Amino acid sequence: MSQPVGRPTPVTNATHTQKPSGMPIHKYGQYEAVDIPDRTWPDKRITKAPRWLSTDLRDGNQALIDPMSPARKREMFDLLVRMGYKEIEVGFPSSGETDFNFVRSIIEEGAIPEDVTISVLTQAREDLIERTVESLRGAHRATVHMYNATAPVFRRVVFRGSKDDIKQIAVDGTRLVMEYADKILGDETVFGYQYSPEIFTDTELDFALEVCEGVMDVWQPEEGREIILNLPATVERSTPSTHADRFEWMSRNLSRREYVCLSVHPHNDRGTAVAAAELAIMAGADRIEGCLFGQGERTGNVDLVTLGMNLFSQGVDPQIDFSQIDEIRRTSEYCNQMEVHPRHPYAGDLVYTAFSGSHQDAIKKGFDAMEATAAAAGKTVDDIEWAVPYLPIDPKDVGRSYEAVIRVNSQSGKGGIAYVLKNDHKLDLPRRMQIEFSKLIQAKTDAEGGEVTPKDIWSVFQDEYLPNPDNPWGRIQLRSGQTTTDKDGTDTLTVEAVVDGTETVLTGSGNGPISAFFAALQAIGIDVRLLDYQEHTMSEGASAQAASYIECAIDGKVLWGIGIDANTTRASLKAVISAVNRAAR
């Protein structure tokens, strides 16, 4: 059957068949699925904040090209405390004097609030354990976090030991932690213990469970004596759904579960650490370990800022204060000597910014709708549910102003330009005037390229619509005007003005000041016809100014004018003059 004339040939899927990449895919195996057909996590929702542990000062710090100096470490610690983190991993004291001395300094200087628990990491060697516990002497609340690798490749390649050998390292190390804590720490220290079967993502589930049970047999968790079992995605290996399956399996099978704080420690090797952490919480995890802005080894630890703000955006209190997100970002950049990406969720320079014209228009309409809805309900915008297109949260809630929400370049449209004028200068342009002015800005961006700043937009707007003493232009400059109304309701307007450089008195009559002014202009040969008129106040109070917008047909041209004045009649006259002067340019 022939194709109808003029109709394009349909595109079939076969046209777009991908070709083999030629890359060595034979070198890599698939991740192991978990047999858990009655999994429950897909039906769960996160309705409250998990426990948080920041590991910026340990895991994040050890991944830096230039590790933090003591001053930068202290700056980061103080920031984490101010934000509200109650569990902070402060270092690896046995790794060297720098970390050991930092832990001692925050204890001895009283920098740790009584409700904050510091955590320190150690390997399962006796000399390292002793040094680690020694660093905590005098702390009010402290946790020793011990780990050993349990994955097959580590058992085979690194340690060359059997499963029993690896399990014994964990069991013996736990016993040593308890012995040195009893020997070194006094009654003033509330002491806790955390164990990580390192490389959990590559460890057989039944073996990870066996090792954790062996550790618990030594620690003996019970009421008032929890154990933290941390299951690290040391290298992210699978989809977040499989990661969640592994957590649900462990949570179901651990004995003494009510005394276990199950902790998730994702890395971002596959780019899905945030999703993996959230799904792990849905699958039974109690606590998340991560770093601000995803700092950490290789592709980073899970991002605590994104996780916390994800909760906030769903109406769940993260119990961490992100209200000054730029301060948090600046401090993090100073401490880590690494920049946060401008597109980073919630905190990047550009994440609340729209350049696209259609996006800008939708955002502007969203703000307008919020104001209208709040006014109708007798409430403020902050008291109603946030609903602005393209903005998942109100930028003001994290300390951002609205100035950068919409930025104008060659991709921008009338909505973005109108937003800038309304937000910065309280001018709510009528829609057809938006279209008219946007063409002027478009011509500027097309000619010059790059971004047009709000200052640039206002400069162009003033030059086009608002003559002033510093930039007088046009045929007519208004001096003063006076209106009288006779008994028939006819208005007579007398205007003192400069017309073509000559002081002139214009007089006209009509059924209102604008009509009378049109008649006065007609008398000097200017043909003006009103097409549209709108006005609004620009602020509240007795001294508020009004903005008048007038669309006129002038000698065959259709143009807008604008006038701003405390007197609404004078604002209207200025708007007519603005349009007339533009027609003569």
Protein backbone atom coordinates (compact mmCIF):
# COMPACT_ATOMS: atom_id res chain seq x y z
CA MET A 1 0.00 0.00 0.00
CA SER A 2 1.49 3.34 -1.03
CA GLN A 3 2.11 6.17 1.41
CA PRO A 4 -0.38 9.06 0.98
CA VAL A 5 1.10 12.02 -0.85
CA GLY A 6 2.44 14.74 1.48
CA ARG A 7 2.47 12.56 4.59
CA PRO A 8 5.92 11.79 6.11
CA THR A 9 7.10 8.19 6.32
CA PRO A 10 6.55 6.81 9.86
CA VAL A 11 9.73 6.29 11.89
CA THR A 12 10.04 2.72 13.18
CA ASN A 13 11.84 1.62 16.32
CA ALA A 14 14.33 -0.28 14.19
CA THR A 15 15.63 3.04 12.87
CA HIS A 16 16.98 3.83 16.34
CA THR A 17 18.50 0.47 17.29
CA GLN A 18 21.60 1.03 19.41
CA LYS A 19 24.89 -0.45 18.27
CA PRO A 20 27.25 -2.45 20.55
CA SER A 21 29.65 -0.11 22.36
CA GLY A 22 32.75 -2.23 21.94
CA MET A 23 33.63 -1.70 25.61
CA PRO A 24 34.95 -4.71 27.65
CA ILE A 25 31.66 -5.61 29.35
CA HIS A 26 32.86 -9.20 29.89
CA LYS A 27 34.99 -7.94 32.80
CA TYR A 28 32.01 -7.06 34.99
CA GLY A 29 29.35 -9.17 36.67
CA GLN A 30 25.85 -8.26 37.78
CA TYR A 31 24.92 -7.55 41.36
CA GLU A 32 23.28 -10.31 43.37
CA ALA A 33 19.52 -10.04 43.82
CA VAL A 34 17.92 -10.70 47.22
CA ASP A 35 15.26 -13.37 47.51
CA ILE A 36 12.61 -11.49 49.47
CA PRO A 37 9.31 -11.80 47.58
CA ASP A 38 7.23 -10.42 50.47
CA ARG A 39 9.30 -7.24 50.78
CA THR A 40 7.38 -4.47 52.53
CA TRP A 41 9.50 -1.38 51.93
CA PRO A 42 7.83 -0.33 48.62
CA ASP A 43 4.65 0.49 50.54
CA LYS A 44 6.40 2.54 53.21
CA ARG A 45 6.76 6.33 53.40
CA ILE A 46 9.26 8.37 55.37
CA THR A 47 7.16 10.36 57.81
CA LYS A 48 9.82 11.39 60.33
CA ALA A 49 13.49 12.23 60.31
CA PRO A 50 15.98 9.41 60.88
CA ARG A 51 18.89 9.75 63.26
CA TRP A 52 21.72 11.54 61.49
CA LEU A 53 25.47 11.12 61.82
CA SER A 54 27.81 13.53 60.05
CA THR A 55 31.10 11.99 59.03
CA ASP A 56 32.46 15.17 57.42
CA LEU A 57 35.37 15.30 59.87
CA ARG A 58 36.41 11.71 59.28
CA ASP A 59 35.23 10.12 56.05
CA GLY A 60 34.85 13.46 54.31
CA ASN A 61 38.16 14.82 55.58
CA GLN A 62 40.22 11.77 54.65
CA ALA A 63 39.00 12.15 51.04
CA LEU A 64 40.37 15.69 50.63
CA ILE A 65 43.37 16.54 48.51
CA ASP A 66 44.36 18.95 51.29
CA PRO A 67 43.01 17.58 54.61
CA MET A 68 41.51 20.13 56.97
CA SER A 69 43.76 22.10 59.25
CA PRO A 70 42.78 22.16 62.95
CA ALA A 71 41.15 25.57 62.41
CA ARG A 72 39.08 24.33 59.47
CA LYS A 73 38.12 21.19 61.40
CA ARG A 74 36.88 23.29 64.27
CA GLU A 75 34.92 25.52 61.90
CA MET A 76 33.22 22.45 60.42
CA PHE A 77 32.49 20.96 63.85
CA ASP A 78 30.93 24.21 65.08
CA LEU A 79 28.80 24.42 61.91
CA LEU A 80 27.50 20.87 62.40
CA VAL A 81 26.60 21.64 66.00
CA ARG A 82 24.79 24.86 65.00
CA MET A 83 22.82 22.97 62.36
CA GLY A 84 21.62 20.50 65.00
CA TYR A 85 23.54 17.28 64.35
CA LYS A 86 23.58 15.22 67.55
CA GLU A 87 25.98 12.48 66.34
CA ILE A 88 29.25 13.59 64.74
CA GLU A 89 32.15 11.36 63.73
CA VAL A 90 35.10 13.58 64.59
CA GLY A 91 38.10 11.62 63.42
CA PHE A 92 40.36 8.58 63.22
CA PRO A 93 42.53 9.24 66.31
CA SER A 94 44.90 6.34 65.80
CA SER A 95 45.80 7.54 62.29
CA GLY A 96 48.11 10.28 63.56
CA GLU A 97 48.64 13.18 65.94
CA THR A 98 46.46 15.60 63.96
CA ASP A 99 43.23 13.65 64.45
CA PHE A 100 44.11 12.62 68.01
CA ASN A 101 44.88 16.19 69.04
CA PHE A 102 41.69 17.51 67.43
CA VAL A 103 39.54 15.09 69.43
CA ARG A 104 41.37 16.10 72.60
CA SER A 105 40.94 19.80 71.81
CA ILE A 106 37.16 19.77 71.43
CA ILE A 107 36.85 17.74 74.66
CA GLU A 108 39.25 19.84 76.70
CA GLU A 109 37.92 23.16 75.39
CA GLY A 110 34.32 22.24 76.19
CA ALA A 111 33.23 22.59 72.56
CA ILE A 112 30.89 19.59 72.64
CA PRO A 113 27.35 20.24 73.90
CA GLU A 114 26.17 17.66 76.43
CA ASP A 115 23.50 16.34 74.07
CA VAL A 116 25.98 15.72 71.23
CA THR A 117 27.69 12.34 70.90
CA ILE A 118 31.08 12.29 69.22
CA SER A 119 32.20 9.17 67.40
CA VAL A 120 35.72 7.97 66.53
CA LEU A 121 36.76 5.27 64.09
CA THR A 122 39.24 2.46 64.61
CA GLN A 123 40.39 -0.72 62.93
CA ALA A 124 40.25 -3.96 64.93
CA ARG A 125 43.86 -3.92 66.18
CA GLU A 126 44.65 -3.71 69.89
CA ASP A 127 47.18 -0.86 69.72
CA LEU A 128 44.84 1.21 67.54
CA ILE A 129 41.86 0.50 69.79
CA GLU A 130 43.77 1.60 72.88
CA ARG A 131 44.89 4.84 71.25
CA THR A 132 41.35 5.50 70.00
CA VAL A 133 39.72 5.04 73.40
CA GLU A 134 42.44 7.16 75.00
CA SER A 135 41.43 10.08 72.78
CA LEU A 136 37.96 10.07 74.40
CA ARG A 137 39.10 10.51 78.00
CA GLY A 138 36.81 13.06 79.68
CA ALA A 139 34.14 13.12 76.93
CA HIS A 140 30.54 13.33 78.08
CA ARG A 141 29.05 11.15 75.33
CA ALA A 142 31.23 9.10 72.99
CA THR A 143 31.03 6.14 70.62
CA VAL A 144 33.84 3.95 69.34
CA HIS A 145 33.18 2.80 65.79
CA MET A 146 35.14 -0.33 64.88
CA TYR A 147 35.18 -2.00 61.48
CA ASN A 148 36.73 -4.82 59.58
CA ALA A 149 36.25 -5.86 55.97
CA THR A 150 34.05 -8.92 55.45
CA ALA A 151 33.59 -9.13 51.65
CA PRO A 152 34.90 -12.16 49.70
CA VAL A 153 37.43 -10.20 47.64
CA PHE A 154 38.96 -8.79 50.83
CA ARG A 155 38.99 -12.19 52.53
CA ARG A 156 40.72 -13.67 49.50
CA VAL A 157 43.03 -10.87 48.32
CA VAL A 158 43.74 -8.58 51.28
CA PHE A 159 43.57 -10.73 54.42
CA ARG A 160 43.83 -14.22 52.91
CA GLY A 161 41.68 -15.54 55.71
CA SER A 162 38.64 -17.75 56.11
CA LYS A 163 35.18 -16.63 57.16
CA ASP A 164 35.95 -17.82 60.69
CA ASP A 165 39.15 -15.76 60.73
CA ILE A 166 37.31 -12.61 59.66
CA LYS A 167 34.52 -13.15 62.18
CA GLN A 168 37.09 -13.66 64.95
CA ILE A 169 38.70 -10.30 64.15
CA ALA A 170 35.33 -8.62 64.71
CA VAL A 171 34.59 -10.53 67.90
CA ASP A 172 38.05 -10.01 69.41
CA GLY A 173 38.08 -6.34 68.44
CA THR A 174 34.72 -5.78 70.14
CA ARG A 175 36.00 -7.38 73.32
CA LEU A 176 39.10 -5.15 73.26
CA VAL A 177 37.00 -2.01 72.81
CA MET A 178 34.99 -2.95 75.90
CA GLU A 179 38.10 -3.73 77.94
CA TYR A 180 39.85 -0.45 77.14
CA ALA A 181 36.68 1.58 77.65
CA ASP A 182 36.35 0.06 81.15
CA LYS A 183 40.02 0.73 81.86
CA ILE A 184 40.36 4.28 80.47
CA LEU A 185 36.97 6.01 80.56
CA GLY A 186 35.37 7.09 83.78
CA ASP A 187 31.77 7.15 84.87
CA GLU A 188 31.37 10.66 83.42
CA THR A 189 31.39 9.20 79.89
CA VAL A 190 28.21 7.74 78.39
CA PHE A 191 29.91 5.17 76.18
CA GLY A 192 28.50 3.53 73.08
CA TYR A 193 29.68 1.07 70.45
CA GLN A 194 29.26 0.85 66.68
CA TYR A 195 30.35 -2.00 64.43
CA SER A 196 30.58 -2.03 60.62
CA PRO A 197 31.00 -5.16 58.49
CA GLU A 198 32.95 -3.15 55.94
CA ILE A 199 32.10 -3.62 52.26
CA PHE A 200 28.64 -4.82 53.31
CA THR A 201 27.39 -4.36 49.74
CA ASP A 202 29.74 -7.13 48.56
CA THR A 203 29.38 -9.40 51.59
CA GLU A 204 27.10 -12.46 51.55
CA LEU A 205 24.02 -11.58 53.58
CA ASP A 206 24.13 -14.70 55.73
CA PHE A 207 27.79 -14.07 56.57
CA ALA A 208 27.20 -10.37 57.36
CA LEU A 209 24.43 -11.50 59.71
CA GLU A 210 26.68 -14.12 61.32
CA VAL A 211 29.43 -11.59 62.01
CA CYS A 212 26.99 -9.03 63.45
CA GLU A 213 25.47 -11.68 65.70
CA GLY A 214 28.95 -12.67 66.93
CA VAL A 215 29.69 -9.03 67.75
CA MET A 216 26.37 -8.67 69.60
CA ASP A 217 27.08 -11.82 71.61
CA VAL A 218 30.09 -9.98 73.04
CA TRP A 219 28.52 -6.54 73.49
CA GLN A 220 25.23 -7.96 74.82
CA PRO A 221 22.79 -5.25 73.75
CA GLU A 222 19.76 -4.84 76.00
CA GLU A 223 17.44 -2.18 77.35
CA GLY A 224 19.50 1.00 77.78
CA ARG A 225 22.50 -0.59 76.03
CA GLU A 226 22.02 -0.29 72.29
CA ILE A 227 24.48 -1.31 69.64
CA ILE A 228 24.84 0.52 66.35
CA LEU A 229 25.25 -1.84 63.42
CA ASN A 230 26.33 0.12 60.38
CA LEU A 231 26.02 -1.55 56.98
CA PRO A 232 28.22 0.43 54.59
CA ALA A 233 27.80 0.68 50.86
CA THR A 234 31.56 1.18 50.80
CA VAL A 235 31.29 0.91 47.04
CA GLU A 236 27.80 1.34 45.64
CA ARG A 237 27.08 -1.84 43.68
CA SER A 238 23.38 -2.19 42.96
CA THR A 239 20.17 -0.37 42.32
CA PRO A 240 18.65 1.40 45.36
CA SER A 241 15.88 -1.21 45.35
CA THR A 242 18.34 -4.07 45.86
CA HIS A 243 20.10 -2.05 48.57
CA ALA A 244 16.72 -1.70 50.29
CA ASP A 245 16.13 -5.45 49.98
CA ARG A 246 19.43 -6.12 51.75
CA PHE A 247 18.42 -3.82 54.61
CA GLU A 248 14.98 -5.36 54.96
CA TRP A 249 16.55 -8.83 55.02
CA MET A 250 19.02 -7.82 57.74
CA SER A 251 16.40 -5.97 59.76
CA ARG A 252 14.14 -9.04 59.70
CA ASN A 253 16.84 -11.53 60.61
CA LEU A 254 18.86 -9.74 63.30
CA SER A 255 18.19 -11.00 66.81
CA ARG A 256 17.72 -8.41 69.57
CA ARG A 257 16.50 -6.04 66.87
CA GLU A 258 14.81 -3.72 69.36
CA TYR A 259 18.24 -2.91 70.86
CA VAL A 260 19.94 -2.36 67.49
CA CYS A 261 20.29 0.98 65.75
CA LEU A 262 20.58 -0.10 62.12
CA SER A 263 22.65 2.48 60.26
CA VAL A 264 23.06 3.10 56.53
CA HIS A 265 26.29 4.51 55.10
CA PRO A 266 25.96 4.91 51.31
CA HIS A 267 28.60 6.02 48.86
CA ASN A 268 27.69 7.41 45.47
CA ASP A 269 29.61 5.28 42.97
CA ARG A 270 26.49 4.65 40.86
CA GLY A 271 25.08 8.12 41.47
CA THR A 272 22.14 6.84 43.50
CA ALA A 273 23.30 7.25 47.10
CA VAL A 274 20.43 9.55 48.07
CA ALA A 275 17.83 7.11 46.74
CA ALA A 276 19.66 4.18 48.36
CA ALA A 277 19.60 5.94 51.75
CA GLU A 278 15.92 6.85 51.50
CA LEU A 279 14.90 3.34 50.47
CA ALA A 280 17.04 1.83 53.23
CA ILE A 281 15.14 3.92 55.78
CA MET A 282 11.89 2.64 54.29
CA ALA A 283 13.31 -0.88 54.61
CA GLY A 284 14.07 -0.60 58.32
CA ALA A 285 17.24 1.46 58.80
CA ASP A 286 17.19 3.87 61.75
CA ARG A 287 20.11 6.17 61.02
CA ILE A 288 21.94 7.72 58.06
CA GLU A 289 25.65 8.50 57.93
CA GLY A 290 26.85 11.01 55.36
CA CYS A 291 28.52 14.33 54.60
CA LEU A 292 27.34 17.82 53.76
CA PHE A 293 27.02 18.18 49.98
CA GLY A 294 28.15 14.60 49.42
CA GLN A 295 31.83 15.10 50.25
CA GLY A 296 33.75 11.81 50.58
CA GLU A 297 35.84 9.18 48.86
CA ARG A 298 35.65 8.85 45.05
CA THR A 299 32.15 10.07 44.09
CA GLY A 300 31.41 10.91 47.69
CA ASN A 301 29.34 9.87 50.67
CA VAL A 302 25.61 10.35 50.63
CA ASP A 303 24.62 14.02 50.72
CA LEU A 304 23.07 15.00 54.06
CA VAL A 305 21.88 18.36 52.73
CA THR A 306 19.87 16.81 49.91
CA LEU A 307 18.45 14.13 52.20
CA GLY A 308 17.38 16.64 54.83
CA MET A 309 15.90 19.07 52.31
CA ASN A 310 14.06 16.23 50.56
CA LEU A 311 12.23 15.65 53.84
CA PHE A 312 11.56 19.36 54.27
CA SER A 313 10.10 19.61 50.77
CA GLN A 314 7.57 16.90 51.71
CA GLY A 315 6.49 18.62 54.92
CA VAL A 316 8.64 16.43 57.20
CA ASP A 317 10.85 18.23 59.74
CA PRO A 318 14.46 17.09 59.10
CA GLN A 319 15.36 18.29 62.63
CA ILE A 320 18.41 19.93 61.06
CA ASP A 321 18.44 23.67 60.35
CA PHE A 322 19.09 24.47 56.69
CA SER A 323 17.54 27.95 56.84
CA GLN A 324 20.86 29.67 56.01
CA ILE A 325 21.97 27.37 53.23
CA ASP A 326 24.44 29.81 51.70
CA GLU A 327 26.31 30.10 55.02
CA ILE A 328 26.40 26.30 55.23
CA ARG A 329 27.74 26.08 51.70
CA ARG A 330 30.37 28.80 52.21
CA THR A 331 31.61 27.20 55.41
CA SER A 332 31.77 23.79 53.78
CA GLU A 333 33.68 25.20 50.81
CA TYR A 334 36.15 26.90 53.16
CA CYS A 335 36.69 23.78 55.26
CA ASN A 336 36.93 21.34 52.34
CA GLN A 337 38.64 23.73 49.91
CA MET A 338 36.23 22.39 47.30
CA GLU A 339 33.40 24.23 45.55
CA VAL A 340 29.78 23.15 45.63
CA HIS A 341 28.45 22.73 42.09
CA PRO A 342 26.10 25.54 40.93
CA ARG A 343 23.50 22.89 40.04
CA HIS A 344 23.77 21.09 43.38
CA PRO A 345 20.27 20.35 44.75
CA TYR A 346 18.87 23.04 47.05
CA ALA A 347 22.21 24.82 47.60
CA GLY A 348 23.78 25.51 44.20
CA ASP A 349 23.92 29.06 42.88
CA LEU A 350 21.53 28.29 40.00
CA VAL A 351 19.05 25.81 41.47
CA TYR A 352 16.28 28.36 42.02
CA THR A 353 17.03 30.20 38.78
CA ALA A 354 15.06 30.01 35.55
CA PHE A 355 16.47 31.22 32.24
CA SER A 356 13.87 29.59 29.98
CA GLY A 357 11.03 31.89 28.98
CA SER A 358 8.27 29.32 29.53
CA HIS A 359 9.67 28.46 32.96
CA GLN A 360 9.86 32.12 33.91
CA ASP A 361 6.29 32.73 32.83
CA ALA A 362 5.06 29.78 34.89
CA ILE A 363 7.01 30.91 37.96
CA LYS A 364 5.65 34.44 37.71
CA LYS A 365 2.09 33.14 37.40
CA GLY A 366 2.74 30.84 40.37
CA PHE A 367 3.79 33.74 42.57
CA ASP A 368 0.78 35.75 41.46
CA ALA A 369 -1.56 32.85 42.20
CA MET A 370 -0.03 32.35 45.64
CA GLU A 371 -0.63 36.01 46.50
CA ALA A 372 -4.22 35.85 45.24
CA THR A 373 -4.98 32.62 47.13
CA ALA A 374 -3.49 33.97 50.36
CA ALA A 375 -5.39 37.26 50.05
CA ALA A 376 -8.67 35.44 49.42
CA ALA A 377 -8.13 33.34 52.55
CA GLY A 378 -7.10 36.30 54.66
CA LYS A 379 -3.66 34.80 55.20
CA THR A 380 -0.07 35.50 54.27
CA VAL A 381 1.72 33.57 51.56
CA ASP A 382 3.78 31.84 54.26
CA ASP A 383 0.59 30.41 55.80
CA ILE A 384 -0.64 28.49 52.74
CA GLU A 385 0.72 25.46 50.93
CA TRP A 386 3.59 26.26 48.58
CA ALA A 387 2.63 25.78 44.93
CA VAL A 388 4.90 27.54 42.44
CA PRO A 389 5.87 25.73 39.22
CA TYR A 390 9.51 24.67 38.94
CA LEU A 391 10.31 25.64 42.54
CA PRO A 392 9.99 22.62 44.87
CA ILE A 393 10.48 24.86 47.91
CA ASP A 394 10.24 28.56 48.67
CA PRO A 395 13.82 29.86 48.23
CA LYS A 396 13.18 32.26 51.12
CA ASP A 397 12.96 29.27 53.49
CA VAL A 398 16.67 28.56 53.00
CA GLY A 399 17.75 32.18 53.18
CA ARG A 400 17.70 32.93 49.46
CA SER A 401 16.17 36.15 48.12
CA TYR A 402 13.95 36.15 45.06
CA GLU A 403 16.40 38.29 43.11
CA ALA A 404 18.06 35.35 41.40
CA VAL A 405 14.95 33.23 40.85
CA ILE A 406 14.56 34.55 37.33
CA ARG A 407 17.54 35.61 35.25
CA VAL A 408 17.26 36.84 31.70
CA ASN A 409 19.26 35.73 28.68
CA SER A 410 18.47 35.04 25.04
CA GLN A 411 16.31 32.05 26.03
CA SER A 412 14.13 34.12 28.33
CA GLY A 413 10.63 35.37 27.66
CA LYS A 414 8.19 37.99 28.78
CA GLY A 415 7.37 36.19 32.04
CA GLY A 416 10.91 36.40 33.32
CA ILE A 417 11.32 40.03 32.42
CA ALA A 418 7.95 40.90 33.96
CA TYR A 419 8.93 39.01 37.11
CA VAL A 420 12.10 41.07 37.52
CA LEU A 421 10.17 44.33 37.17
CA LYS A 422 7.48 43.24 39.61
CA ASN A 423 9.86 41.75 42.18
CA ASP A 424 12.45 44.53 42.09
CA HIS A 425 10.36 47.59 41.19
CA LYS A 426 6.74 46.68 42.06
CA LEU A 427 5.61 47.18 38.44
CA ASP A 428 2.97 44.64 37.36
CA LEU A 429 3.00 45.06 33.59
CA PRO A 430 -0.17 44.21 31.61
CA ARG A 431 0.32 41.17 29.43
CA ARG A 432 0.49 43.01 26.10
CA MET A 433 2.99 45.44 27.57
CA GLN A 434 5.07 42.44 28.72
CA ILE A 435 5.15 41.26 25.13
CA GLU A 436 6.14 44.72 23.85
CA PHE A 437 8.96 45.18 26.35
CA SER A 438 10.26 41.62 26.07
CA LYS A 439 10.96 42.23 22.38
CA LEU A 440 13.23 45.12 23.35
CA ILE A 441 15.16 42.94 25.79
CA GLN A 442 15.29 40.09 23.26
CA ALA A 443 16.85 42.46 20.74
CA LYS A 444 19.46 43.43 23.33
CA THR A 445 20.37 39.83 24.21
CA ASP A 446 20.45 38.81 20.54
CA ALA A 447 22.77 41.71 19.76
CA GLU A 448 25.06 41.44 22.77
CA GLY A 449 24.71 37.81 23.90
CA GLY A 450 25.06 36.59 27.48
CA GLU A 451 22.89 37.34 30.47
CA VAL A 452 20.93 40.53 31.06
CA THR A 453 21.02 41.52 34.72
CA PRO A 454 18.06 43.03 36.61
CA LYS A 455 19.99 46.32 36.57
CA ASP A 456 20.25 46.10 32.77
CA ILE A 457 16.52 45.41 32.46
CA TRP A 458 15.62 48.41 34.62
CA SER A 459 17.98 50.65 32.67
CA VAL A 460 16.39 49.67 29.36
CA PHE A 461 12.90 50.07 30.83
CA GLN A 462 13.63 53.56 32.13
CA ASP A 463 15.19 54.62 28.88
CA GLU A 464 12.20 53.34 26.92
CA TYR A 465 9.27 54.42 29.13
CA LEU A 466 10.36 56.75 31.93
CA PRO A 467 12.13 59.96 30.94
CA ASN A 468 13.73 61.68 33.91
CA PRO A 469 15.79 64.82 34.57
CA ASP A 470 18.99 62.88 33.94
CA ASN A 471 17.61 61.43 30.72
CA PRO A 472 14.99 63.81 29.30
CA TRP A 473 13.63 62.77 25.94
CA GLY A 474 10.53 63.13 23.79
CA ARG A 475 8.38 66.00 22.57
CA ILE A 476 6.54 66.64 25.85
CA GLN A 477 7.60 67.10 29.48
CA LEU A 478 4.85 67.55 32.06
CA ARG A 479 5.07 70.46 34.50
CA SER A 480 1.68 70.50 36.25
CA GLY A 481 -1.98 69.86 35.61
CA GLN A 482 -5.31 70.88 37.05
CA THR A 483 -8.77 69.44 36.45
CA THR A 484 -12.18 71.07 36.98
CA THR A 485 -15.57 69.41 36.59
CA ASP A 486 -18.69 71.32 35.56
CA LYS A 487 -22.26 70.55 36.57
CA ASP A 488 -22.72 68.27 33.52
CA GLY A 489 -19.80 66.07 34.63
CA THR A 490 -17.45 67.27 31.89
CA ASP A 491 -13.83 67.53 32.96
CA THR A 492 -11.66 70.37 31.77
CA LEU A 493 -7.93 69.82 32.04
CA THR A 494 -5.27 72.50 32.00
CA VAL A 495 -1.71 71.22 31.66
CA GLU A 496 1.49 73.24 31.88
CA ALA A 497 4.11 71.45 29.82
CA VAL A 498 7.15 71.84 27.63
CA VAL A 499 6.25 70.92 24.04
CA ASP A 500 9.09 70.70 21.54
CA GLY A 501 11.22 72.83 23.84
CA THR A 502 8.62 75.58 24.35
CA GLU A 503 6.70 76.28 27.55
CA THR A 504 3.06 75.60 26.63
CA VAL A 505 -0.35 75.46 28.29
CA LEU A 506 -2.56 72.68 26.94
CA THR A 507 -6.31 72.71 27.52
CA GLY A 508 -8.95 70.14 26.68
CA SER A 509 -12.29 68.77 27.86
CA GLY A 510 -13.73 65.26 28.05
CA ASN A 511 -15.53 62.73 30.20
CA GLY A 512 -12.49 62.26 32.43
CA PRO A 513 -8.92 63.55 32.80
CA ILE A 514 -7.48 61.15 30.19
CA SER A 515 -10.17 62.00 27.64
CA ALA A 516 -9.61 65.71 28.31
CA PHE A 517 -5.85 65.28 27.83
CA PHE A 518 -6.38 63.48 24.52
CA ALA A 519 -8.47 66.49 23.40
CA ALA A 520 -5.70 68.85 24.48
CA LEU A 521 -3.13 66.86 22.49
CA GLN A 522 -5.45 66.81 19.47
CA ALA A 523 -5.36 70.62 19.52
CA ILE A 524 -1.58 70.55 18.87
CA GLY A 525 -1.84 67.92 16.14
CA ILE A 526 -1.23 64.73 18.08
CA ASP A 527 -3.87 62.07 17.31
CA VAL A 528 -4.20 59.73 20.33
CA ARG A 529 -6.79 57.01 20.91
CA LEU A 530 -7.12 54.95 24.11
CA LEU A 531 -6.98 51.15 23.71
CA ASP A 532 -6.36 49.92 27.27
CA TYR A 533 -5.81 51.40 30.71
CA GLN A 534 -4.69 49.73 33.93
CA GLU A 535 -3.33 51.02 37.22
CA HIS A 536 -2.25 49.72 40.62
CA THR A 537 -0.66 51.02 43.79
CA MET A 538 2.97 50.12 44.28
CA SER A 539 2.89 49.95 48.08
CA GLU A 540 0.65 50.58 51.05
CA GLY A 541 0.21 53.76 53.07
CA ALA A 542 -0.64 57.41 52.52
CA SER A 543 2.57 58.09 50.58
CA ALA A 544 2.10 55.15 48.22
CA GLN A 545 2.79 55.72 44.56
CA ALA A 546 0.57 54.54 41.73
CA ALA A 547 1.61 53.06 38.41
CA SER A 548 -0.60 53.72 35.38
CA TYR A 549 -0.29 51.78 32.12
CA ILE A 550 -1.91 53.10 28.97
CA GLU A 551 -2.04 51.45 25.55
CA CYS A 552 -2.63 54.01 22.81
CA ALA A 553 -2.99 54.20 19.07
CA ILE A 554 -0.88 57.20 18.06
CA ASP A 555 -0.72 58.24 14.43
CA GLY A 556 -1.15 54.63 13.35
CA LYS A 557 1.26 53.16 15.95
CA VAL A 558 0.13 51.03 18.93
CA LEU A 559 2.34 51.72 21.92
CA TRP A 560 2.29 51.46 25.71
CA GLY A 561 3.22 54.19 28.12
CA ILE A 562 3.72 54.16 31.86
CA GLY A 563 3.47 56.84 34.49
CA ILE A 564 4.44 56.68 38.17
CA ASP A 565 3.26 59.27 40.68
CA ALA A 566 1.71 59.59 44.12
CA ASN A 567 -1.31 61.21 42.41
CA THR A 568 -3.23 58.75 40.23
CA THR A 569 -4.40 61.44 37.76
CA ARG A 570 -0.86 62.72 37.33
CA ALA A 571 0.37 59.12 36.89
CA SER A 572 -2.19 58.66 34.09
CA LEU A 573 -1.08 61.85 32.33
CA LYS A 574 2.54 60.76 32.57
CA ALA A 575 1.59 57.40 31.03
CA VAL A 576 -0.03 59.16 28.04
CA ILE A 577 3.05 61.37 27.63
CA SER A 578 5.28 58.27 27.82
CA ALA A 579 3.40 56.68 24.91
CA VAL A 580 3.30 59.92 22.88
CA ASN A 581 7.00 60.53 23.37
CA ARG A 582 7.82 56.96 22.36
CA ALA A 583 5.83 57.39 19.15
CA ALA A 584 7.97 60.39 18.23
CA ARG A 585 11.35 58.75 18.95
